[in-house]
PDB file of all heavy atoms in Angstrom:
ATOM      1  N   ASP A   1     165.227 114.553  98.163  1.00  0.00           N
ATOM      2  CA  ASP A   1     166.020 113.642  97.342  1.00  0.00           C
ATOM      3  C   ASP A   1     165.163 112.704  96.500  1.00  0.00           C
ATOM      4  O   ASP A   1     165.598 112.286  95.419  1.00  0.00           O
ATOM      5  CB  ASP A   1     166.953 112.742  98.169  1.00  0.00           C
ATOM      6  CG  ASP A   1     168.045 113.612  98.810  1.00  0.00           C
ATOM      7  OD1 ASP A   1     168.361 114.743  98.378  1.00  0.00           O
ATOM      8  OD2 ASP A   1     168.541 113.136  99.900  1.00  0.00           O
ATOM      9  N   GLN A   2     163.996 112.360  96.907  1.00  0.00           N
ATOM     10  CA  GLN A   2     163.186 111.409  96.226  1.00  0.00           C
ATOM     11  C   GLN A   2     161.886 112.074  95.618  1.00  0.00           C
ATOM     12  O   GLN A   2     161.207 112.784  96.390  1.00  0.00           O
ATOM     13  CB  GLN A   2     162.698 110.291  97.156  1.00  0.00           C
ATOM     14  CG  GLN A   2     162.022 109.206  96.438  1.00  0.00           C
ATOM     15  CD  GLN A   2     161.807 107.996  97.452  1.00  0.00           C
ATOM     16  OE1 GLN A   2     162.195 108.062  98.579  1.00  0.00           O
ATOM     17  NE2 GLN A   2     161.035 106.978  96.989  1.00  0.00           N
ATOM     18  N   ASP A   3     161.671 111.810  94.368  1.00  0.00           N
ATOM     19  CA  ASP A   3     160.487 112.349  93.750  1.00  0.00           C
ATOM     20  C   ASP A   3     159.159 111.756  94.313  1.00  0.00           C
ATOM     21  O   ASP A   3     159.224 110.563  94.557  1.00  0.00           O
ATOM     22  CB  ASP A   3     160.486 112.164  92.214  1.00  0.00           C
ATOM     23  CG  ASP A   3     161.561 112.926  91.471  1.00  0.00           C
ATOM     24  OD1 ASP A   3     162.063 113.869  92.051  1.00  0.00           O
ATOM     25  OD2 ASP A   3     161.883 112.524  90.391  1.00  0.00           O
ATOM     26  N   PRO A   4     158.136 112.404  94.440  1.00  0.00           N
ATOM     27  CA  PRO A   4     156.920 111.927  94.873  1.00  0.00           C
ATOM     28  C   PRO A   4     156.240 111.017  93.800  1.00  0.00           C
ATOM     29  O   PRO A   4     156.608 111.133  92.545  1.00  0.00           O
ATOM     30  CB  PRO A   4     156.023 113.050  95.222  1.00  0.00           C
ATOM     31  CG  PRO A   4     156.546 114.221  94.334  1.00  0.00           C
ATOM     32  CD  PRO A   4     157.970 113.923  94.263  1.00  0.00           C
ATOM     33  N   CYS A   5     155.327 110.104  94.183  1.00  0.00           N
ATOM     34  CA  CYS A   5     154.642 109.294  93.220  1.00  0.00           C
ATOM     35  C   CYS A   5     153.768 110.130  92.302  1.00  0.00           C
ATOM     36  O   CYS A   5     153.170 111.134  92.846  1.00  0.00           O
ATOM     37  CB  CYS A   5     153.843 108.246  93.963  1.00  0.00           C
ATOM     38  SG  CYS A   5     154.882 107.032  94.985  1.00  0.00           S
ATOM     39  N   GLU A   6     153.724 109.725  91.145  1.00  0.00           N
ATOM     40  CA  GLU A   6     152.834 110.563  90.168  1.00  0.00           C
ATOM     41  C   GLU A   6     151.430 110.599  90.569  1.00  0.00           C
ATOM     42  O   GLU A   6     150.771 111.612  90.375  1.00  0.00           O
ATOM     43  CB  GLU A   6     152.969 109.925  88.796  1.00  0.00           C
ATOM     44  CG  GLU A   6     152.279 110.729  87.726  1.00  0.00           C
ATOM     45  CD  GLU A   6     152.524 110.175  86.307  1.00  0.00           C
ATOM     46  OE1 GLU A   6     153.434 109.355  86.107  1.00  0.00           O
ATOM     47  OE2 GLU A   6     151.798 110.654  85.368  1.00  0.00           O
ATOM     48  N   ASN A   7     150.888 109.560  91.233  1.00  0.00           N
ATOM     49  CA  ASN A   7     149.525 109.506  91.604  1.00  0.00           C
ATOM     50  C   ASN A   7     149.239 110.469  92.785  1.00  0.00           C
ATOM     51  O   ASN A   7     148.141 110.681  93.160  1.00  0.00           O
ATOM     52  CB  ASN A   7     149.038 108.196  91.970  1.00  0.00           C
ATOM     53  CG  ASN A   7     149.698 107.430  93.151  1.00  0.00           C
ATOM     54  OD1 ASN A   7     150.689 107.926  93.599  1.00  0.00           O
ATOM     55  ND2 ASN A   7     149.270 106.413  93.625  1.00  0.00           N
ATOM     56  N   GLU A   8     150.288 111.029  93.360  1.00  0.00           N
ATOM     57  CA  GLU A   8     150.110 112.053  94.496  1.00  0.00           C
ATOM     58  C   GLU A   8     150.256 113.550  93.958  1.00  0.00           C
ATOM     59  O   GLU A   8     150.023 114.422  94.710  1.00  0.00           O
ATOM     60  CB  GLU A   8     151.268 111.860  95.535  1.00  0.00           C
ATOM     61  CG  GLU A   8     151.197 110.487  96.215  1.00  0.00           C
ATOM     62  CD  GLU A   8     152.308 110.269  97.159  1.00  0.00           C
ATOM     63  OE1 GLU A   8     153.348 111.025  97.092  1.00  0.00           O
ATOM     64  OE2 GLU A   8     152.295 109.280  97.933  1.00  0.00           O
ATOM     65  N   PHE A   9     150.486 113.704  92.708  1.00  0.00           N
ATOM     66  CA  PHE A   9     150.756 114.997  92.162  1.00  0.00           C
ATOM     67  C   PHE A   9     149.582 115.990  92.386  1.00  0.00           C
ATOM     68  O   PHE A   9     149.713 117.035  92.827  1.00  0.00           O
ATOM     69  CB  PHE A   9     151.015 114.955  90.701  1.00  0.00           C
ATOM     70  CG  PHE A   9     152.510 114.539  90.350  1.00  0.00           C
ATOM     71  CD1 PHE A   9     153.316 114.062  91.334  1.00  0.00           C
ATOM     72  CD2 PHE A   9     152.984 114.516  89.046  1.00  0.00           C
ATOM     73  CE1 PHE A   9     154.659 113.643  91.042  1.00  0.00           C
ATOM     74  CE2 PHE A   9     154.132 114.136  88.687  1.00  0.00           C
ATOM     75  CZ  PHE A   9     155.001 113.713  89.723  1.00  0.00           C
ATOM     76  N   GLY A  10     148.312 115.458  92.213  1.00  0.00           N
ATOM     77  CA  GLY A  10     147.175 116.320  92.370  1.00  0.00           C
ATOM     78  C   GLY A  10     147.008 116.791  93.809  1.00  0.00           C
ATOM     79  O   GLY A  10     146.771 117.973  94.077  1.00  0.00           O
ATOM     80  N   GLU A  11     147.187 115.833  94.739  1.00  0.00           N
ATOM     81  CA  GLU A  11     147.058 116.184  96.124  1.00  0.00           C
ATOM     82  C   GLU A  11     148.184 117.183  96.540  1.00  0.00           C
ATOM     83  O   GLU A  11     147.897 118.187  97.294  1.00  0.00           O
ATOM     84  CB  GLU A  11     147.191 115.017  97.080  1.00  0.00           C
ATOM     85  CG  GLU A  11     147.195 115.273  98.506  1.00  0.00           C
ATOM     86  CD  GLU A  11     147.506 114.027  99.370  1.00  0.00           C
ATOM     87  OE1 GLU A  11     147.448 112.935  98.866  1.00  0.00           O
ATOM     88  OE2 GLU A  11     147.921 114.242 100.464  1.00  0.00           O
ATOM     89  N   ILE A  12     149.346 116.968  96.116  1.00  0.00           N
ATOM     90  CA  ILE A  12     150.496 117.849  96.475  1.00  0.00           C
ATOM     91  C   ILE A  12     150.264 119.234  95.825  1.00  0.00           C
ATOM     92  O   ILE A  12     150.447 120.245  96.493  1.00  0.00           O
ATOM     93  CB  ILE A  12     151.814 117.266  95.895  1.00  0.00           C
ATOM     94  CG1 ILE A  12     152.191 115.903  96.661  1.00  0.00           C
ATOM     95  CG2 ILE A  12     152.912 118.238  96.039  1.00  0.00           C
ATOM     96  CD1 ILE A  12     153.229 115.202  96.100  1.00  0.00           C
ATOM     97  N   ALA A  13     149.744 119.303  94.615  1.00  0.00           N
ATOM     98  CA  ALA A  13     149.431 120.650  93.998  1.00  0.00           C
ATOM     99  C   ALA A  13     148.472 121.416  94.838  1.00  0.00           C
ATOM    100  O   ALA A  13     148.639 122.559  95.046  1.00  0.00           O
ATOM    101  CB  ALA A  13     148.975 120.349  92.542  1.00  0.00           C
ATOM    102  N   GLU A  14     147.437 120.753  95.283  1.00  0.00           N
ATOM    103  CA  GLU A  14     146.400 121.416  96.147  1.00  0.00           C
ATOM    104  C   GLU A  14     147.026 121.923  97.414  1.00  0.00           C
ATOM    105  O   GLU A  14     146.697 122.972  97.903  1.00  0.00           O
ATOM    106  CB  GLU A  14     145.169 120.516  96.397  1.00  0.00           C
ATOM    107  CG  GLU A  14     144.326 120.308  95.173  1.00  0.00           C
ATOM    108  CD  GLU A  14     143.934 121.621  94.544  1.00  0.00           C
ATOM    109  OE1 GLU A  14     143.341 122.546  95.278  1.00  0.00           O
ATOM    110  OE2 GLU A  14     144.064 121.724  93.286  1.00  0.00           O
ATOM    111  N   ARG A  15     147.823 121.124  98.013  1.00  0.00           N
ATOM    112  CA  ARG A  15     148.521 121.450  99.318  1.00  0.00           C
ATOM    113  C   ARG A  15     149.365 122.771  99.109  1.00  0.00           C
ATOM    114  O   ARG A  15     149.335 123.659  99.842  1.00  0.00           O
ATOM    115  CB  ARG A  15     149.276 120.329  99.900  1.00  0.00           C
ATOM    116  CG  ARG A  15     148.470 119.292 100.511  1.00  0.00           C
ATOM    117  CD  ARG A  15     149.242 118.344 101.389  1.00  0.00           C
ATOM    118  NE  ARG A  15     150.732 118.226 101.093  1.00  0.00           N
ATOM    119  CZ  ARG A  15     151.254 117.043 100.767  1.00  0.00           C
ATOM    120  NH1 ARG A  15     150.615 115.881 100.589  1.00  0.00           N
ATOM    121  NH2 ARG A  15     152.556 117.004 100.564  1.00  0.00           N
ATOM    122  N   LEU A  16     150.194 122.704  97.991  1.00  0.00           N
ATOM    123  CA  LEU A  16     151.040 123.846  97.666  1.00  0.00           C
ATOM    124  C   LEU A  16     150.198 125.071  97.303  1.00  0.00           C
ATOM    125  O   LEU A  16     150.613 126.185  97.735  1.00  0.00           O
ATOM    126  CB  LEU A  16     152.016 123.481  96.554  1.00  0.00           C
ATOM    127  CG  LEU A  16     153.045 122.458  96.995  1.00  0.00           C
ATOM    128  CD1 LEU A  16     153.900 122.074  95.688  1.00  0.00           C
ATOM    129  CD2 LEU A  16     154.064 123.023  97.986  1.00  0.00           C
ATOM    130  N   ARG A  17     149.188 124.956  96.624  1.00  0.00           N
ATOM    131  CA  ARG A  17     148.288 126.107  96.329  1.00  0.00           C
ATOM    132  C   ARG A  17     147.706 126.625  97.662  1.00  0.00           C
ATOM    133  O   ARG A  17     147.646 127.899  97.792  1.00  0.00           O
ATOM    134  CB  ARG A  17     147.167 125.708  95.380  1.00  0.00           C
ATOM    135  CG  ARG A  17     147.577 125.536  93.993  1.00  0.00           C
ATOM    136  CD  ARG A  17     146.344 125.298  93.036  1.00  0.00           C
ATOM    137  NE  ARG A  17     146.816 125.016  91.757  1.00  0.00           N
ATOM    138  CZ  ARG A  17     146.819 123.791  91.162  1.00  0.00           C
ATOM    139  NH1 ARG A  17     146.326 122.712  91.819  1.00  0.00           N
ATOM    140  NH2 ARG A  17     147.249 123.692  89.895  1.00  0.00           N
ATOM    141  N   SER A  18     147.357 125.791  98.565  1.00  0.00           N
ATOM    142  CA  SER A  18     146.818 126.267  99.861  1.00  0.00           C
ATOM    143  C   SER A  18     147.871 126.952 100.622  1.00  0.00           C
ATOM    144  O   SER A  18     147.696 127.966 101.291  1.00  0.00           O
ATOM    145  CB  SER A  18     146.264 125.034 100.561  1.00  0.00           C
ATOM    146  OG  SER A  18     145.912 125.388 101.861  1.00  0.00           O
ATOM    147  N   ASP A  19     149.180 126.353 100.626  1.00  0.00           N
ATOM    148  CA  ASP A  19     150.286 126.949 101.320  1.00  0.00           C
ATOM    149  C   ASP A  19     150.512 128.374 100.757  1.00  0.00           C
ATOM    150  O   ASP A  19     150.752 129.239 101.545  1.00  0.00           O
ATOM    151  CB  ASP A  19     151.519 126.071 101.110  1.00  0.00           C
ATOM    152  CG  ASP A  19     151.442 124.735 101.769  1.00  0.00           C
ATOM    153  OD1 ASP A  19     150.448 124.604 102.517  1.00  0.00           O
ATOM    154  OD2 ASP A  19     152.244 123.834 101.436  1.00  0.00           O
ATOM    155  N   LEU A  20     150.498 128.549  99.421  1.00  0.00           N
ATOM    156  CA  LEU A  20     150.761 129.871  98.791  1.00  0.00           C
ATOM    157  C   LEU A  20     149.608 130.767  99.247  1.00  0.00           C
ATOM    158  O   LEU A  20     149.869 131.901  99.566  1.00  0.00           O
ATOM    159  CB  LEU A  20     150.841 129.754  97.323  1.00  0.00           C
ATOM    160  CG  LEU A  20     152.107 129.314  96.701  1.00  0.00           C
ATOM    161  CD1 LEU A  20     151.976 129.027  95.200  1.00  0.00           C
ATOM    162  CD2 LEU A  20     153.257 130.262  96.955  1.00  0.00           C
ATOM    163  N   LEU A  21     148.427 130.338  99.241  1.00  0.00           N
ATOM    164  CA  LEU A  21     147.328 131.150  99.638  1.00  0.00           C
ATOM    165  C   LEU A  21     147.437 131.675 101.047  1.00  0.00           C
ATOM    166  O   LEU A  21     147.232 132.894 101.279  1.00  0.00           O
ATOM    167  CB  LEU A  21     145.973 130.475  99.469  1.00  0.00           C
ATOM    168  CG  LEU A  21     144.722 131.255  99.605  1.00  0.00           C
ATOM    169  CD1 LEU A  21     144.570 132.428  98.644  1.00  0.00           C
ATOM    170  CD2 LEU A  21     143.543 130.327  99.502  1.00  0.00           C
ATOM    171  N   ARG A  22     147.875 130.822 101.933  1.00  0.00           N
ATOM    172  CA  ARG A  22     148.076 131.210 103.337  1.00  0.00           C
ATOM    173  C   ARG A  22     149.210 132.191 103.432  1.00  0.00           C
ATOM    174  O   ARG A  22     149.082 133.217 104.197  1.00  0.00           O
ATOM    175  CB  ARG A  22     148.443 129.929 104.177  1.00  0.00           C
ATOM    176  CG  ARG A  22     148.808 130.185 105.540  1.00  0.00           C
ATOM    177  CD  ARG A  22     147.961 129.499 106.596  1.00  0.00           C
ATOM    178  NE  ARG A  22     148.274 129.985 107.957  1.00  0.00           N
ATOM    179  CZ  ARG A  22     148.977 129.383 108.754  1.00  0.00           C
ATOM    180  NH1 ARG A  22     149.627 128.231 108.436  1.00  0.00           N
ATOM    181  NH2 ARG A  22     149.251 129.842 109.993  1.00  0.00           N
ATOM    182  N   LEU A  23     150.325 131.955 102.770  1.00  0.00           N
ATOM    183  CA  LEU A  23     151.405 132.954 102.933  1.00  0.00           C
ATOM    184  C   LEU A  23     151.109 134.232 102.234  1.00  0.00           C
ATOM    185  O   LEU A  23     151.419 135.300 102.777  1.00  0.00           O
ATOM    186  CB  LEU A  23     152.687 132.312 102.247  1.00  0.00           C
ATOM    187  CG  LEU A  23     153.292 131.165 102.927  1.00  0.00           C
ATOM    188  CD1 LEU A  23     154.442 130.588 102.170  1.00  0.00           C
ATOM    189  CD2 LEU A  23     153.673 131.429 104.416  1.00  0.00           C
ATOM    190  N   VAL A  24     150.357 134.247 101.148  1.00  0.00           N
ATOM    191  CA  VAL A  24     149.907 135.502 100.632  1.00  0.00           C
ATOM    192  C   VAL A  24     148.978 136.262 101.554  1.00  0.00           C
ATOM    193  O   VAL A  24     149.032 137.495 101.723  1.00  0.00           O
ATOM    194  CB  VAL A  24     149.109 135.218  99.222  1.00  0.00           C
ATOM    195  CG1 VAL A  24     148.424 136.469  98.763  1.00  0.00           C
ATOM    196  CG2 VAL A  24     150.131 134.793  98.142  1.00  0.00           C
ATOM    197  N   ALA A  25     148.089 135.531 102.226  1.00  0.00           N
ATOM    198  CA  ALA A  25     147.130 136.132 103.163  1.00  0.00           C
ATOM    199  C   ALA A  25     147.929 136.747 104.308  1.00  0.00           C
ATOM    200  O   ALA A  25     147.685 137.859 104.783  1.00  0.00           O
ATOM    201  CB  ALA A  25     146.137 135.094 103.693  1.00  0.00           C
ATOM    202  N   ILE A  26     148.992 136.064 104.824  1.00  0.00           N
ATOM    203  CA  ILE A  26     149.827 136.580 105.843  1.00  0.00           C
ATOM    204  C   ILE A  26     150.483 137.858 105.464  1.00  0.00           C
ATOM    205  O   ILE A  26     150.505 138.832 106.156  1.00  0.00           O
ATOM    206  CB  ILE A  26     150.833 135.526 106.316  1.00  0.00           C
ATOM    207  CG1 ILE A  26     150.135 134.390 107.057  1.00  0.00           C
ATOM    208  CG2 ILE A  26     151.907 136.160 107.257  1.00  0.00           C
ATOM    209  CD1 ILE A  26     150.990 133.129 107.339  1.00  0.00           C
ATOM    210  N   ALA A  27     151.137 137.840 104.301  1.00  0.00           N
ATOM    211  CA  ALA A  27     151.827 139.003 103.723  1.00  0.00           C
ATOM    212  C   ALA A  27     150.815 140.194 103.572  1.00  0.00           C
ATOM    213  O   ALA A  27     151.148 141.344 103.976  1.00  0.00           O
ATOM    214  CB  ALA A  27     152.549 138.719 102.455  1.00  0.00           C
ATOM    215  N   ASN A  28     149.664 139.932 103.000  1.00  0.00           N
ATOM    216  CA  ASN A  28     148.716 140.979 102.808  1.00  0.00           C
ATOM    217  C   ASN A  28     148.125 141.520 104.152  1.00  0.00           C
ATOM    218  O   ASN A  28     148.046 142.777 104.342  1.00  0.00           O
ATOM    219  CB  ASN A  28     147.506 140.457 101.943  1.00  0.00           C
ATOM    220  CG  ASN A  28     147.865 140.364 100.444  1.00  0.00           C
ATOM    221  OD1 ASN A  28     148.778 141.018 100.059  1.00  0.00           O
ATOM    222  ND2 ASN A  28     147.185 139.472  99.813  1.00  0.00           N
ATOM    223  N   ALA A  29     147.882 140.673 105.076  1.00  0.00           N
ATOM    224  CA  ALA A  29     147.382 141.170 106.367  1.00  0.00           C
ATOM    225  C   ALA A  29     148.416 141.932 107.192  1.00  0.00           C
ATOM    226  O   ALA A  29     148.075 142.897 107.823  1.00  0.00           O
ATOM    227  CB  ALA A  29     146.962 139.948 107.279  1.00  0.00           C
ATOM    228  N   ALA A  30     149.722 141.667 106.942  1.00  0.00           N
ATOM    229  CA  ALA A  30     150.761 142.439 107.534  1.00  0.00           C
ATOM    230  C   ALA A  30     151.065 143.708 106.872  1.00  0.00           C
ATOM    231  O   ALA A  30     151.761 144.555 107.364  1.00  0.00           O
ATOM    232  CB  ALA A  30     152.062 141.633 107.648  1.00  0.00           C
ATOM    233  N   GLY A  31     150.488 143.899 105.611  1.00  0.00           N
ATOM    234  CA  GLY A  31     150.723 145.080 104.847  1.00  0.00           C
ATOM    235  C   GLY A  31     152.176 145.231 104.341  1.00  0.00           C
ATOM    236  O   GLY A  31     152.614 146.332 104.225  1.00  0.00           O
ATOM    237  N   ASP A  32     152.751 144.063 104.112  1.00  0.00           N
ATOM    238  CA  ASP A  32     154.181 144.039 103.766  1.00  0.00           C
ATOM    239  C   ASP A  32     154.296 144.658 102.312  1.00  0.00           C
ATOM    240  O   ASP A  32     153.672 144.311 101.433  1.00  0.00           O
ATOM    241  CB  ASP A  32     154.698 142.639 103.683  1.00  0.00           C
ATOM    242  CG  ASP A  32     156.194 142.611 103.600  1.00  0.00           C
ATOM    243  OD1 ASP A  32     156.847 143.493 103.162  1.00  0.00           O
ATOM    244  OD2 ASP A  32     156.774 141.573 104.172  1.00  0.00           O
ATOM    245  N   ARG A  33     155.210 145.722 102.318  1.00  0.00           N
ATOM    246  CA  ARG A  33     155.398 146.439 101.002  1.00  0.00           C
ATOM    247  C   ARG A  33     156.753 146.289 100.478  1.00  0.00           C
ATOM    248  O   ARG A  33     157.241 147.012  99.623  1.00  0.00           O
ATOM    249  CB  ARG A  33     155.086 147.926 101.119  1.00  0.00           C
ATOM    250  CG  ARG A  33     153.660 148.216 101.509  1.00  0.00           C
ATOM    251  CD  ARG A  33     152.814 147.993 100.289  1.00  0.00           C
ATOM    252  NE  ARG A  33     151.435 147.730 100.737  1.00  0.00           N
ATOM    253  CZ  ARG A  33     150.623 146.794 100.296  1.00  0.00           C
ATOM    254  NH1 ARG A  33     151.046 145.830  99.513  1.00  0.00           N
ATOM    255  NH2 ARG A  33     149.421 146.702 100.715  1.00  0.00           N
ATOM    256  N   ASP A  34     157.460 145.214 100.999  1.00  0.00           N
ATOM    257  CA  ASP A  34     158.839 144.881 100.533  1.00  0.00           C
ATOM    258  C   ASP A  34     158.699 144.561  99.024  1.00  0.00           C
ATOM    259  O   ASP A  34     157.864 143.750  98.648  1.00  0.00           O
ATOM    260  CB  ASP A  34     159.320 143.695 101.370  1.00  0.00           C
ATOM    261  CG  ASP A  34     160.699 143.276 100.899  1.00  0.00           C
ATOM    262  OD1 ASP A  34     161.670 143.986 101.241  1.00  0.00           O
ATOM    263  OD2 ASP A  34     160.848 142.156 100.243  1.00  0.00           O
ATOM    264  N   ALA A  35     159.634 145.073  98.264  1.00  0.00           N
ATOM    265  CA  ALA A  35     159.572 144.926  96.720  1.00  0.00           C
ATOM    266  C   ALA A  35     159.792 143.386  96.421  1.00  0.00           C
ATOM    267  O   ALA A  35     159.105 142.919  95.532  1.00  0.00           O
ATOM    268  CB  ALA A  35     160.686 145.749  96.139  1.00  0.00           C
ATOM    269  N   GLN A  36     160.622 142.719  97.089  1.00  0.00           N
ATOM    270  CA  GLN A  36     160.751 141.340  96.814  1.00  0.00           C
ATOM    271  C   GLN A  36     159.513 140.525  97.233  1.00  0.00           C
ATOM    272  O   GLN A  36     159.165 139.557  96.454  1.00  0.00           O
ATOM    273  CB  GLN A  36     162.034 140.783  97.582  1.00  0.00           C
ATOM    274  CG  GLN A  36     162.387 139.444  97.190  1.00  0.00           C
ATOM    275  CD  GLN A  36     163.703 138.953  97.753  1.00  0.00           C
ATOM    276  OE1 GLN A  36     164.445 139.728  98.360  1.00  0.00           O
ATOM    277  NE2 GLN A  36     163.996 137.630  97.623  1.00  0.00           N
TER     278      GLN A  36
END
């Protein structure tokens, strides 16, 4: 419900990039070929 402070945007972006990288690694390691 509440927007984060603008001075936290850089840190949040790095965390989300790291989160995406982790999930991508999990999907690739599992060999998931689901189209979605």
